[in-house]
Protein backbone atom coordinates (compact mmCIF):
# COMPACT_ATOMS: atom_id res chain seq x y z
CA MET A 1 -14.26 44.67 5.78
CA HIS A 2 -13.24 44.85 9.43
CA ASN A 3 -10.60 42.35 10.55
CA GLN A 4 -12.18 40.06 13.12
CA LEU A 5 -9.43 37.43 13.17
CA PHE A 6 -7.19 39.25 15.65
CA ASP A 7 -7.02 42.53 17.57
CA TYR A 8 -4.48 45.33 17.34
CA SER A 9 -1.90 45.11 20.13
CA PRO A 10 1.15 47.42 20.05
CA ILE A 11 4.20 45.56 21.26
CA VAL A 12 5.17 48.41 23.62
CA ASP A 13 1.94 48.01 25.63
CA ARG A 14 2.27 44.30 26.48
CA ALA A 15 3.41 42.48 29.59
CA PRO A 16 6.99 41.21 29.23
CA VAL A 17 7.47 37.84 27.53
CA ARG A 18 9.77 35.43 29.38
CA TRP A 19 11.40 32.37 27.80
CA PRO A 20 12.63 29.23 29.58
CA GLY A 21 15.94 29.44 31.43
CA GLY A 22 15.99 33.22 31.25
CA ALA A 23 16.66 33.19 27.50
CA ARG A 24 16.19 36.48 25.68
CA LEU A 25 15.47 35.32 22.14
CA ALA A 26 13.60 32.24 20.90
CA PHE A 27 15.01 31.05 17.58
CA TYR A 28 13.57 28.43 15.25
CA VAL A 29 14.10 27.30 11.68
CA GLY A 30 10.96 26.98 9.55
CA LEU A 31 11.95 24.29 7.04
CA ASN A 32 9.55 24.11 4.11
CA VAL A 33 9.39 20.49 2.92
CA GLU A 34 7.08 20.57 -0.06
CA HIS A 35 5.70 18.60 -2.99
CA TYR A 36 4.90 20.16 -6.34
CA GLU A 37 2.68 18.67 -9.04
CA ILE A 38 4.45 18.30 -12.37
CA ASP A 39 1.65 19.77 -14.50
CA ARG A 40 0.84 22.91 -12.49
CA PRO A 41 2.75 26.20 -12.14
CA SER A 42 4.23 27.24 -8.81
CA THR A 43 7.29 29.01 -7.40
CA SER A 44 9.56 29.62 -10.38
CA ILE A 45 13.04 30.86 -11.14
CA PHE A 46 12.16 31.66 -14.78
CA ALA A 47 8.67 32.95 -15.60
CA GLY A 48 9.00 32.28 -19.32
CA THR A 49 8.20 28.57 -19.00
CA ARG A 50 6.18 28.43 -15.77
CA ASP A 51 2.83 27.76 -17.52
CA LEU A 52 4.12 24.85 -19.61
CA ALA A 53 3.28 21.25 -18.74
CA PRO A 54 5.73 19.78 -18.15
CA ASP A 55 8.09 22.59 -17.21
CA PRO A 56 11.48 20.90 -16.79
CA LEU A 57 13.30 24.13 -15.96
CA ASN A 58 11.22 25.21 -12.97
CA TYR A 59 9.99 21.80 -11.84
CA GLY A 60 13.53 20.44 -11.93
CA TRP A 61 14.78 23.44 -9.95
CA ARG A 62 12.19 22.80 -7.24
CA ASP A 63 12.82 19.04 -7.32
CA TYR A 64 16.48 19.60 -6.40
CA GLY A 65 15.24 20.17 -2.85
CA PRO A 66 14.06 16.67 -1.90
CA ARG A 67 16.65 14.92 -4.06
CA VAL A 68 19.78 16.78 -2.93
CA GLY A 69 19.31 20.06 -1.08
CA ILE A 70 17.62 18.78 2.04
CA TRP A 71 20.36 16.26 2.72
CA ARG A 72 22.91 19.07 2.67
CA LEU A 73 20.73 20.94 5.18
CA VAL A 74 20.40 17.88 7.41
CA ASP A 75 24.16 17.88 7.90
CA ILE A 76 24.17 21.62 8.71
CA PHE A 77 21.32 21.32 11.21
CA ASP A 78 22.97 18.35 12.90
CA ARG A 79 26.23 20.25 13.19
CA HIS A 80 24.57 23.15 15.03
CA GLY A 81 22.07 21.20 17.11
CA ILE A 82 19.04 22.57 15.26
CA ARG A 83 15.72 20.71 15.26
CA PRO A 84 13.81 22.39 12.46
CA SER A 85 10.09 23.07 12.53
CA VAL A 86 9.11 21.25 9.35
CA LEU A 87 6.32 22.88 7.34
CA LEU A 88 5.21 19.67 5.69
CA ASN A 89 3.02 19.13 2.65
CA SER A 90 1.14 15.90 3.33
CA ASP A 91 1.96 14.63 -0.19
CA VAL A 92 5.63 14.44 0.84
CA THR A 93 4.78 11.50 3.08
CA GLU A 94 3.92 9.48 -0.03
CA HIS A 95 6.52 10.76 -2.48
CA ASN A 96 9.58 11.32 -0.24
CA PRO A 97 9.26 8.97 2.75
CA GLN A 98 13.02 8.97 3.30
CA ILE A 99 12.77 12.60 4.42
CA ILE A 100 10.13 11.65 6.97
CA ASP A 101 12.38 8.86 8.28
CA ALA A 102 15.34 11.25 8.64
CA GLY A 103 13.21 13.73 10.54
CA LYS A 104 11.76 11.11 12.85
CA GLN A 105 15.26 9.92 13.72
CA ARG A 106 16.11 13.50 14.72
CA ASP A 107 12.84 14.35 16.51
CA TRP A 108 11.96 17.19 14.15
CA ALA A 109 8.76 19.13 14.82
CA TRP A 110 6.06 18.52 12.19
CA LEU A 111 3.59 21.23 11.15
CA ALA A 112 0.82 20.83 8.58
CA HIS A 113 1.49 22.85 5.41
CA GLY A 114 -1.36 21.77 3.16
CA LYS A 115 -1.49 18.88 0.72
CA ASN A 116 1.10 20.31 -1.69
CA ASN A 117 2.37 23.71 -2.80
CA SER A 118 0.62 23.58 -6.15
CA ILE A 119 -2.81 23.92 -4.51
CA LEU A 120 -3.31 27.14 -2.55
CA GLN A 121 -5.59 27.39 0.47
CA ALA A 122 -8.07 29.86 -1.01
CA GLY A 123 -11.67 29.98 -2.16
CA MET A 124 -12.72 26.64 -0.66
CA PRO A 125 -16.29 26.24 0.62
CA VAL A 126 -16.23 25.57 4.34
CA ASP A 127 -17.24 21.88 4.18
CA GLU A 128 -14.69 21.19 1.44
CA GLU A 129 -12.00 22.94 3.45
CA ARG A 130 -12.90 21.02 6.61
CA ALA A 131 -12.44 17.71 4.78
CA TYR A 132 -9.24 18.94 3.13
CA LEU A 133 -7.69 20.02 6.43
CA ARG A 134 -8.68 16.81 8.17
CA ASP A 135 -7.06 14.73 5.42
CA VAL A 136 -3.84 16.77 5.57
CA VAL A 137 -3.54 16.56 9.35
CA ASP A 138 -4.47 12.87 9.56
CA THR A 139 -2.03 11.94 6.78
CA ILE A 140 0.86 13.71 8.50
CA GLU A 141 -0.01 12.15 11.85
CA ALA A 142 -0.08 8.66 10.33
CA ALA A 143 3.31 9.12 8.67
CA THR A 144 5.20 10.90 11.45
CA GLY A 145 3.54 9.42 14.51
CA THR A 146 2.84 12.94 15.76
CA ARG A 147 -0.32 14.95 15.31
CA PRO A 148 0.60 18.42 14.03
CA ARG A 149 0.01 21.25 16.47
CA GLY A 150 0.83 24.06 14.03
CA TRP A 151 -0.26 25.13 10.58
CA MET A 152 1.06 27.20 7.72
CA GLY A 153 -0.94 27.38 4.52
CA PRO A 154 0.71 26.81 1.14
CA GLY A 155 1.94 30.26 0.18
CA LEU A 156 0.67 31.42 3.61
CA THR A 157 -2.89 31.24 2.25
CA GLU A 158 -6.06 30.81 4.31
CA THR A 159 -9.78 31.33 4.06
CA PHE A 160 -11.68 33.26 6.71
CA HIS A 161 -12.80 29.88 8.08
CA THR A 162 -9.33 28.32 8.34
CA PRO A 163 -8.44 29.25 11.96
CA ALA A 164 -11.72 27.94 13.38
CA LEU A 165 -11.48 24.74 11.33
CA LEU A 166 -7.92 24.17 12.54
CA ALA A 167 -9.06 24.64 16.13
CA GLU A 168 -11.74 21.99 15.54
CA LEU A 169 -8.95 19.58 14.59
CA GLY A 170 -7.02 20.35 17.76
CA LEU A 171 -4.29 22.52 16.27
CA ARG A 172 -2.93 25.23 18.55
CA TYR A 173 -1.25 27.85 16.35
CA VAL A 174 -0.67 29.22 12.86
CA LEU A 175 2.33 30.88 11.18
CA ASP A 176 0.44 32.60 8.36
CA TRP A 177 0.11 36.08 9.89
CA SER A 178 3.67 37.40 9.79
CA ASN A 179 2.90 40.64 11.61
CA ASP A 180 4.71 40.37 14.96
CA ASP A 181 7.88 39.50 16.86
CA GLN A 182 5.97 37.80 19.68
CA PRO A 183 3.20 35.20 19.77
CA TYR A 184 -0.34 36.49 20.31
CA ARG A 185 -3.85 35.10 20.63
CA LEU A 186 -6.17 35.00 17.65
CA ASN A 187 -9.86 35.60 18.16
CA VAL A 188 -10.44 31.85 17.94
CA PRO A 189 -10.37 30.19 21.37
CA GLY A 190 -7.19 28.21 21.93
CA LEU A 191 -5.40 29.40 18.81
CA LEU A 192 -2.19 31.46 18.68
CA SER A 193 -0.25 33.21 15.97
CA VAL A 194 3.49 32.47 16.14
CA PRO A 195 5.93 34.78 14.31
CA TYR A 196 7.22 33.71 10.90
CA GLN A 197 9.20 36.35 9.04
CA THR A 198 8.36 36.46 5.34
CA GLU A 199 11.22 38.78 4.38
CA LEU A 200 13.92 36.74 6.13
CA ASN A 201 13.04 33.91 3.77
CA ASP A 202 15.36 32.36 1.22
CA VAL A 203 12.75 32.44 -1.57
CA THR A 204 11.96 36.10 -0.93
CA MET A 205 15.61 37.05 -0.74
CA PHE A 206 17.37 34.92 -3.33
CA VAL A 207 14.57 34.50 -5.88
CA GLY A 208 12.51 37.60 -5.24
CA THR A 209 15.25 40.20 -4.81
CA GLY A 210 18.37 38.40 -6.05
CA VAL A 211 20.60 38.91 -3.03
CA SER A 212 23.96 37.15 -2.80
CA GLY A 213 25.02 34.61 -0.21
CA PRO A 214 27.05 37.19 1.76
CA ASP A 215 24.05 39.56 1.65
CA PHE A 216 21.84 36.80 3.08
CA LEU A 217 24.33 36.15 5.87
CA GLN A 218 24.48 39.85 6.75
CA ALA A 219 20.67 40.13 6.76
CA VAL A 220 20.41 37.20 9.17
CA LYS A 221 23.00 38.79 11.45
CA ASP A 222 21.25 42.17 11.31
CA GLN A 223 17.87 40.60 12.11
CA PHE A 224 19.36 38.67 15.01
CA ASP A 225 21.26 41.65 16.42
CA GLN A 226 18.21 43.92 16.43
CA LEU A 227 15.89 41.36 18.00
CA TYR A 228 18.54 40.31 20.50
CA ALA A 229 18.98 43.92 21.63
CA GLU A 230 15.22 44.47 21.95
CA SER A 231 14.79 41.25 23.91
CA ALA A 232 16.69 42.57 26.91
CA ASP A 233 13.37 43.63 28.47
CA SER A 234 10.88 41.29 26.80
CA GLY A 235 11.47 38.13 24.79
CA ARG A 236 11.30 38.07 21.01
CA VAL A 237 10.99 35.34 18.37
CA MET A 238 13.27 35.00 15.37
CA SER A 239 12.40 32.58 12.62
CA LEU A 240 14.47 31.65 9.60
CA ALA A 241 12.36 30.41 6.68
CA LEU A 242 14.19 27.98 4.42
CA HIS A 243 13.47 25.91 1.31
CA PRO A 244 15.85 23.06 0.41
CA PHE A 245 15.75 23.84 -3.31
CA VAL A 246 16.96 27.40 -2.61
CA ILE A 247 19.32 27.53 0.38
CA GLY A 248 20.34 23.92 -0.28
CA GLN A 249 22.13 24.91 -3.51
CA PRO A 250 25.90 24.28 -3.22
CA PHE A 251 26.90 27.92 -3.63
CA ARG A 252 24.51 29.08 -0.88
CA ALA A 253 24.66 26.39 1.81
CA LYS A 254 27.85 27.64 3.45
CA TYR A 255 26.19 30.97 4.23
CA LEU A 256 23.43 29.19 6.15
CA ASP A 257 26.13 27.28 8.03
CA GLN A 258 27.82 30.56 8.96
CA ALA A 259 24.52 32.18 9.93
CA LEU A 260 23.63 29.36 12.31
CA GLU A 261 27.13 29.44 13.77
CA TYR A 262 26.64 33.14 14.52
CA ILE A 263 23.25 32.65 16.19
CA THR A 264 24.19 29.59 18.22
CA GLY A 265 27.37 31.32 19.42
CA HIS A 266 25.37 33.80 21.54
CA GLU A 267 24.25 33.24 25.12
CA GLY A 268 20.61 33.68 26.01
CA VAL A 269 19.26 32.13 22.81
CA TRP A 270 16.61 29.44 23.11
CA LEU A 271 17.18 27.07 20.15
CA THR A 272 13.71 25.68 19.87
CA THR A 273 10.76 24.84 17.64
CA SER A 274 7.57 26.70 16.84
CA ASP A 275 5.69 23.96 18.75
CA GLU A 276 7.64 24.70 21.93
CA ILE A 277 7.25 28.47 21.51
CA ALA A 278 3.48 28.14 21.18
CA GLU A 279 3.20 25.73 24.11
CA HIS A 280 5.31 27.89 26.43
CA HIS A 281 3.49 31.09 25.49
CA ALA A 282 0.06 29.50 25.93
CA ARG A 283 1.00 28.25 29.41
CA SER A 284 2.46 31.62 30.38
CA ALA A 285 -0.59 33.50 29.12
CA ASP A 286 -2.90 31.17 31.05
CA ARG A 287 -0.92 31.77 34.25
CA GLY A 288 -0.93 35.50 33.62
């Protein structure tokens, strides 16, 4: 099947990307704030019990995030002046309203991230998906006071109808297609893809490949250094995908603190949100 969602565009053939204030690199944190149902399998640290209901081992591991881990991250973000781009399951607004309050106090950016991370965005008939998306977006808007402008599907899942349905709801960009270091237009009018790196992701790294905290820190530095060097001629985007139940563990958190200290210590870095990246790029592309 031919891909009709977006066109091939080699990065070396594009007009230069310019960020506000002459910045070289746009950096944002993609903070996954998620709800998991207690009787369904999902992201797991031990596969042996993942299909049990209940599954105290894996559910409890995930539940560390909203109970403890995120509050450790709040302190780290505040220390470095980071406003995360929150990839928000709409069920969080009901189950963990204190997190919403903390984010509103800090002017976090709110993206829609499905209802919860136990239900993947796949196989839905178009009318069912339209109603599902509308409920997710409206619920987040009611709780945060801000209508989401961006979307990332649970597990980065979509249907072939998802981009057009999101555009119907007034959303402007998605993070699901992690195939670039710059934003680009999808073949849905008004909709962009904004970079979201799936390998520089605490779940992928710590759970998927078992790296150590120092390895994570070095990977973040290596990613930053390469993109920073390439951005001398045309701007790049660096995202850092985080989950409070992973990076928020006590023995890992200090490596995030050190990584953010490294990034924020460089000149020419735009500490921003995915919302602001999409808005700036859309305006620039319209002028161009």
